[in-house]
Amino acid sequence: MNNLATLFIDESGKSSLIEKANEPFLITGVILDDSDRQIVEGFFGYIKLKYGIDPSQPFHSYDIFENPKTKLDDSDLNSLSIKLAEFIALIPAQIHITSINKSEFKSAIGIKSDEDFKGSGDRQDTKQLPYRVMATYLFAKFGKYLEKKHLIGQMIADSRRGADYQLIKTLNVIKQGDTNVRPEYQIAIKERLNAMCFAEKGYLSGGLEITDLISYTSFLRARKMITHFSNTGIRRVWKEIYARAEIKKIEADQIKRFFGIKKGEVHKYLR
């Protein structure tokens, strides 16, 4: 279908505000038109074959670059990184990377300590609010893309416990018009996003594998870990991601505006 576009979604880090509180959290979205997808995924499959990576199994960047039991040796990783960097530079895709600083997020909504997460179900749900904000931003970008190109959309996300629910909830809120997404993009999401798929472990999708690579590399950068992997050549991959991607850090004022928190107020679940 040449009138179809797919949004692939992957996350890196812990979305909860109380898990690994000092680490960043990011969500990566990659948009591919169906007219390009077969060629892009086919070439990624060729790269896997060239470096002896099982084509019948998903490409998991952690296992390739980091897992001591399965990682390639450094010479192969350097060669692979050159090829992956060239691949990222050339593919006809839109790349969106959004991140938060958990300390800044908690301060913005009025959290003073982990005790503030205790109590009602709504109050406990505040732990996952970052996902809500970031997914809304990503859906808005997809809605804009679909509206501009007059395409039908579908979404494929790497399935994660809790994250699936947050994505569905965010999508429903957008479709109901209860967010600050521009009306024309909200309408595009409502009318044009027709399918959602949550990919379990082992699901083979070149688009999702590419998104995993971008998310993994970006997370290394966000944690200031890229230099620790200099022997793998992955810095080359990051350089091309940085050149191609729209990278967005959600700031405190945007968080407050998203939830309608005025000066001196806290999020409604904390009142």
Protein backbone atom coordinates (compact mmCIF):
# COMPACT_ATOMS: atom_id res chain seq x y z
CA MET A 1 0.00 0.00 0.00
CA ASN A 2 1.65 3.19 -1.17
CA ASN A 3 -0.71 5.33 0.91
CA LEU A 4 0.41 3.80 4.23
CA ALA A 5 3.00 5.03 6.73
CA THR A 6 4.18 3.20 9.82
CA LEU A 7 5.34 4.70 13.10
CA PHE A 8 7.79 2.37 14.86
CA ILE A 9 8.25 3.05 18.58
CA ASP A 10 10.92 1.92 21.03
CA GLU A 11 11.86 3.15 24.49
CA SER A 12 15.12 3.16 26.43
CA GLY A 13 15.43 3.44 30.18
CA LYS A 14 12.69 3.22 32.78
CA SER A 15 9.58 5.33 32.27
CA SER A 16 8.66 5.29 35.97
CA LEU A 17 9.68 8.38 37.95
CA ILE A 18 10.84 6.20 40.85
CA GLU A 19 12.87 3.57 38.97
CA LYS A 20 16.45 4.58 38.15
CA ALA A 21 15.52 8.13 39.05
CA ASN A 22 18.93 9.51 38.07
CA GLU A 23 18.85 8.07 34.57
CA PRO A 24 17.18 9.70 31.56
CA PHE A 25 14.23 8.14 29.79
CA LEU A 26 13.63 8.44 26.07
CA ILE A 27 11.21 7.31 23.41
CA THR A 28 12.22 6.96 19.77
CA GLY A 29 9.85 7.04 16.84
CA VAL A 30 10.79 6.20 13.26
CA ILE A 31 8.32 6.89 10.44
CA LEU A 32 8.61 4.92 7.20
CA ASP A 33 6.33 5.11 4.17
CA ASP A 34 5.18 1.71 2.96
CA SER A 35 6.57 2.52 -0.49
CA ASP A 36 10.08 2.65 1.04
CA ARG A 37 9.75 0.12 3.82
CA GLN A 38 10.46 -3.07 1.87
CA ILE A 39 13.69 -1.69 0.42
CA VAL A 40 14.85 -0.25 3.77
CA GLU A 41 14.10 -3.42 5.71
CA GLY A 42 15.61 -5.56 2.98
CA PHE A 43 18.91 -3.69 3.08
CA PHE A 44 18.99 -3.92 6.89
CA GLY A 45 18.52 -7.67 6.51
CA TYR A 46 21.49 -7.72 4.12
CA ILE A 47 23.64 -5.99 6.76
CA LYS A 48 22.66 -8.65 9.30
CA LEU A 49 23.63 -11.42 6.89
CA LYS A 50 26.95 -9.75 6.06
CA TYR A 51 27.97 -9.75 9.74
CA GLY A 52 26.69 -13.22 10.59
CA ILE A 53 23.69 -11.98 12.58
CA ASP A 54 20.85 -14.51 12.44
CA PRO A 55 18.31 -13.07 9.96
CA SER A 56 15.52 -15.13 11.55
CA GLN A 57 15.96 -13.33 14.88
CA PRO A 58 15.41 -9.64 15.76
CA PHE A 59 18.47 -7.37 15.85
CA HIS A 60 18.82 -6.32 19.50
CA SER A 61 21.50 -3.66 19.79
CA TYR A 62 22.35 -4.49 23.41
CA ASP A 63 23.13 -8.09 22.44
CA ILE A 64 25.22 -7.03 19.44
CA PHE A 65 27.24 -4.24 21.09
CA GLU A 66 27.25 -4.96 24.81
CA ASN A 67 26.10 -8.37 26.03
CA PRO A 68 29.32 -10.26 26.84
CA LYS A 69 27.73 -13.57 25.83
CA THR A 70 26.61 -12.50 22.36
CA LYS A 71 28.44 -9.30 21.32
CA LEU A 72 30.55 -9.25 18.17
CA ASP A 73 34.28 -8.75 18.49
CA ASP A 74 35.58 -5.19 18.29
CA SER A 75 36.90 -5.40 14.74
CA ASP A 76 33.54 -6.63 13.44
CA LEU A 77 31.71 -4.00 15.52
CA ASN A 78 33.81 -1.22 14.03
CA SER A 79 33.09 -2.45 10.52
CA LEU A 80 29.40 -2.92 11.37
CA SER A 81 29.19 0.59 12.83
CA ILE A 82 30.54 2.10 9.61
CA LYS A 83 27.90 0.25 7.59
CA LEU A 84 25.09 1.16 10.03
CA ALA A 85 26.13 4.82 10.03
CA GLU A 86 25.97 4.87 6.22
CA PHE A 87 22.59 3.16 6.39
CA ILE A 88 21.15 5.70 8.87
CA ALA A 89 22.46 8.56 6.72
CA LEU A 90 20.65 7.30 3.61
CA ILE A 91 17.31 5.80 4.67
CA PRO A 92 14.17 7.78 3.74
CA ALA A 93 12.80 7.95 7.27
CA GLN A 94 11.73 10.58 9.78
CA ILE A 95 13.39 10.09 13.17
CA HIS A 96 12.02 11.61 16.38
CA ILE A 97 13.78 11.23 19.73
CA THR A 98 12.19 12.67 22.84
CA SER A 99 13.60 12.56 26.38
CA ILE A 100 13.01 13.80 29.92
CA ASN A 101 15.07 14.47 33.02
CA LYS A 102 13.17 12.76 35.84
CA SER A 103 14.23 15.19 38.55
CA GLU A 104 13.04 18.14 36.47
CA PHE A 105 9.78 16.35 35.66
CA LYS A 106 9.01 15.62 39.32
CA SER A 107 9.75 19.19 40.29
CA ALA A 108 7.52 20.51 37.49
CA ILE A 109 4.44 18.55 38.62
CA GLY A 110 5.04 19.17 42.33
CA ILE A 111 6.56 15.89 43.55
CA LYS A 112 8.77 16.48 46.61
CA SER A 113 9.52 12.87 47.60
CA ASP A 114 8.55 9.31 46.69
CA GLU A 115 5.93 9.49 49.46
CA ASP A 116 3.90 11.70 47.12
CA PHE A 117 3.30 8.71 44.85
CA LYS A 118 1.43 6.83 47.58
CA GLY A 119 -2.31 6.92 48.05
CA SER A 120 -5.07 6.69 45.45
CA GLY A 121 -4.71 4.92 42.12
CA ASP A 122 -4.54 8.29 40.36
CA ARG A 123 -1.75 9.44 42.64
CA GLN A 124 0.19 6.24 42.01
CA ASP A 125 -0.37 6.72 38.29
CA THR A 126 1.71 9.91 38.40
CA LYS A 127 4.80 7.68 38.22
CA GLN A 128 4.01 7.07 34.54
CA LEU A 129 3.09 10.61 33.50
CA PRO A 130 6.35 11.10 31.53
CA TYR A 131 5.22 8.44 29.07
CA ARG A 132 1.94 10.28 28.58
CA VAL A 133 3.65 13.58 27.72
CA MET A 134 6.29 12.04 25.45
CA ALA A 135 3.90 9.75 23.59
CA THR A 136 1.55 12.70 22.97
CA TYR A 137 4.44 14.62 21.41
CA LEU A 138 5.32 11.65 19.20
CA PHE A 139 1.72 11.05 18.12
CA ALA A 140 1.39 14.74 17.26
CA LYS A 141 4.43 14.45 14.99
CA PHE A 142 2.92 11.40 13.32
CA GLY A 143 -0.42 13.14 12.92
CA LYS A 144 1.32 16.08 11.26
CA TYR A 145 3.12 13.70 8.90
CA LEU A 146 -0.08 11.85 7.96
CA GLU A 147 -1.99 15.09 7.44
CA LYS A 148 0.73 16.63 5.29
CA LYS A 149 1.15 13.59 3.03
CA HIS A 150 -2.50 12.44 3.07
CA LEU A 151 -1.55 8.96 4.27
CA ILE A 152 -3.15 6.24 6.37
CA GLY A 153 -1.10 5.34 9.47
CA GLN A 154 -0.30 2.34 11.61
CA MET A 155 1.88 1.95 14.69
CA ILE A 156 4.19 -0.90 15.71
CA ALA A 157 5.72 -0.67 19.19
CA ASP A 158 8.13 -2.88 21.05
CA SER A 159 5.89 -4.38 23.73
CA ARG A 160 6.80 -3.42 27.30
CA ARG A 161 4.83 -4.10 30.46
CA GLY A 162 2.90 -0.96 31.36
CA ALA A 163 4.09 0.98 28.32
CA ASP A 164 1.49 -0.66 26.07
CA TYR A 165 -1.29 0.60 28.34
CA GLN A 166 0.21 4.09 28.44
CA LEU A 167 0.37 4.26 24.64
CA ILE A 168 -3.24 3.12 24.28
CA LYS A 169 -4.39 5.54 26.98
CA THR A 170 -2.49 8.42 25.37
CA LEU A 171 -3.95 7.64 21.97
CA ASN A 172 -7.48 7.55 23.38
CA VAL A 173 -6.97 10.90 25.14
CA ILE A 174 -5.74 12.45 21.90
CA LYS A 175 -8.68 11.07 19.93
CA GLN A 176 -11.05 12.54 22.52
CA GLY A 177 -9.41 15.93 22.05
CA ASP A 178 -8.28 16.23 25.68
CA THR A 179 -4.71 17.33 24.94
CA ASN A 180 -2.95 20.38 23.56
CA VAL A 181 -2.26 18.67 20.21
CA ARG A 182 -3.10 21.00 17.32
CA PRO A 183 -6.67 20.23 16.15
CA GLU A 184 -5.70 19.29 12.60
CA TYR A 185 -3.14 16.76 13.85
CA GLN A 186 -5.55 15.41 16.44
CA ILE A 187 -8.09 14.88 13.66
CA ALA A 188 -5.43 13.19 11.51
CA ILE A 189 -4.63 10.76 14.34
CA LYS A 190 -8.32 10.11 14.95
CA GLU A 191 -9.19 9.51 11.31
CA ARG A 192 -5.96 8.17 9.82
CA LEU A 193 -4.25 6.01 12.49
CA ASN A 194 -6.09 2.76 11.88
CA ALA A 195 -3.96 0.04 13.47
CA MET A 196 -1.73 -0.57 16.49
CA CYS A 197 0.55 -3.57 17.00
CA PHE A 198 2.55 -4.42 20.12
CA ALA A 199 5.46 -6.63 19.15
CA GLU A 200 6.38 -9.39 21.57
CA LYS A 201 9.93 -10.71 21.95
CA GLY A 202 10.93 -12.52 18.79
CA TYR A 203 8.70 -10.47 16.47
CA LEU A 204 10.67 -9.86 13.29
CA SER A 205 10.37 -6.33 11.92
CA GLY A 206 13.20 -4.49 10.22
CA GLY A 207 11.60 -1.13 11.04
CA LEU A 208 11.44 -1.99 14.71
CA GLU A 209 15.04 -3.27 14.67
CA ILE A 210 16.22 0.01 13.15
CA THR A 211 14.28 1.92 15.81
CA ASP A 212 15.92 -0.23 18.50
CA LEU A 213 19.36 0.67 17.12
CA ILE A 214 18.57 4.40 17.13
CA SER A 215 17.04 4.27 20.60
CA TYR A 216 19.92 2.24 22.06
CA THR A 217 22.58 4.53 20.59
CA SER A 218 20.74 7.67 21.70
CA PHE A 219 20.37 6.29 25.22
CA LEU A 220 24.11 5.65 25.41
CA ARG A 221 24.62 9.27 24.42
CA ALA A 222 22.04 10.52 26.94
CA ARG A 223 23.86 8.65 29.72
CA LYS A 224 27.21 10.01 28.49
CA MET A 225 28.32 6.44 27.77
CA ILE A 226 29.29 6.74 24.09
CA THR A 227 32.98 7.18 24.90
CA HIS A 228 32.92 3.93 26.90
CA PHE A 229 32.09 2.15 23.65
CA SER A 230 34.64 3.92 21.47
CA ASN A 231 36.22 0.56 20.61
CA THR A 232 32.99 -0.47 18.87
CA GLY A 233 32.76 2.52 16.53
CA ILE A 234 29.20 3.26 17.61
CA ARG A 235 30.04 6.96 17.84
CA ARG A 236 29.81 7.00 14.03
CA VAL A 237 26.23 5.75 14.29
CA TRP A 238 25.37 8.49 16.79
CA LYS A 239 26.88 11.15 14.52
CA GLU A 240 24.50 10.18 11.71
CA ILE A 241 21.51 9.90 14.07
CA TYR A 242 22.25 13.39 15.39
CA ALA A 243 22.44 14.74 11.85
CA ARG A 244 19.12 13.15 10.81
CA ALA A 245 16.90 13.11 13.89
CA GLU A 246 14.63 15.70 15.45
CA ILE A 247 15.75 15.52 19.08
CA LYS A 248 13.46 16.97 21.73
CA LYS A 249 13.98 17.24 25.48
CA ILE A 250 10.73 17.98 27.30
CA GLU A 251 11.38 21.02 29.50
CA ALA A 252 9.73 21.99 32.80
CA ASP A 253 7.64 24.81 31.32
CA GLN A 254 6.28 22.47 28.65
CA ILE A 255 5.36 19.90 31.30
CA LYS A 256 3.48 22.51 33.31
CA ARG A 257 1.70 23.76 30.22
CA PHE A 258 0.77 20.21 29.19
CA PHE A 259 -0.97 19.57 32.51
CA GLY A 260 -2.30 23.09 32.95
CA ILE A 261 -0.24 23.65 36.11
CA LYS A 262 -0.11 27.31 37.02
CA LYS A 263 2.53 29.04 39.12
CA GLY A 264 2.44 27.75 42.71
CA GLU A 265 0.17 24.80 41.78
CA VAL A 266 0.80 21.06 41.55
CA HIS A 267 -0.61 18.36 39.29
CA LYS A 268 -4.28 17.60 40.03
CA TYR A 269 -3.50 14.06 41.28
CA LEU A 270 -1.34 15.57 44.04
CA ARG A 271 -3.89 18.04 45.39
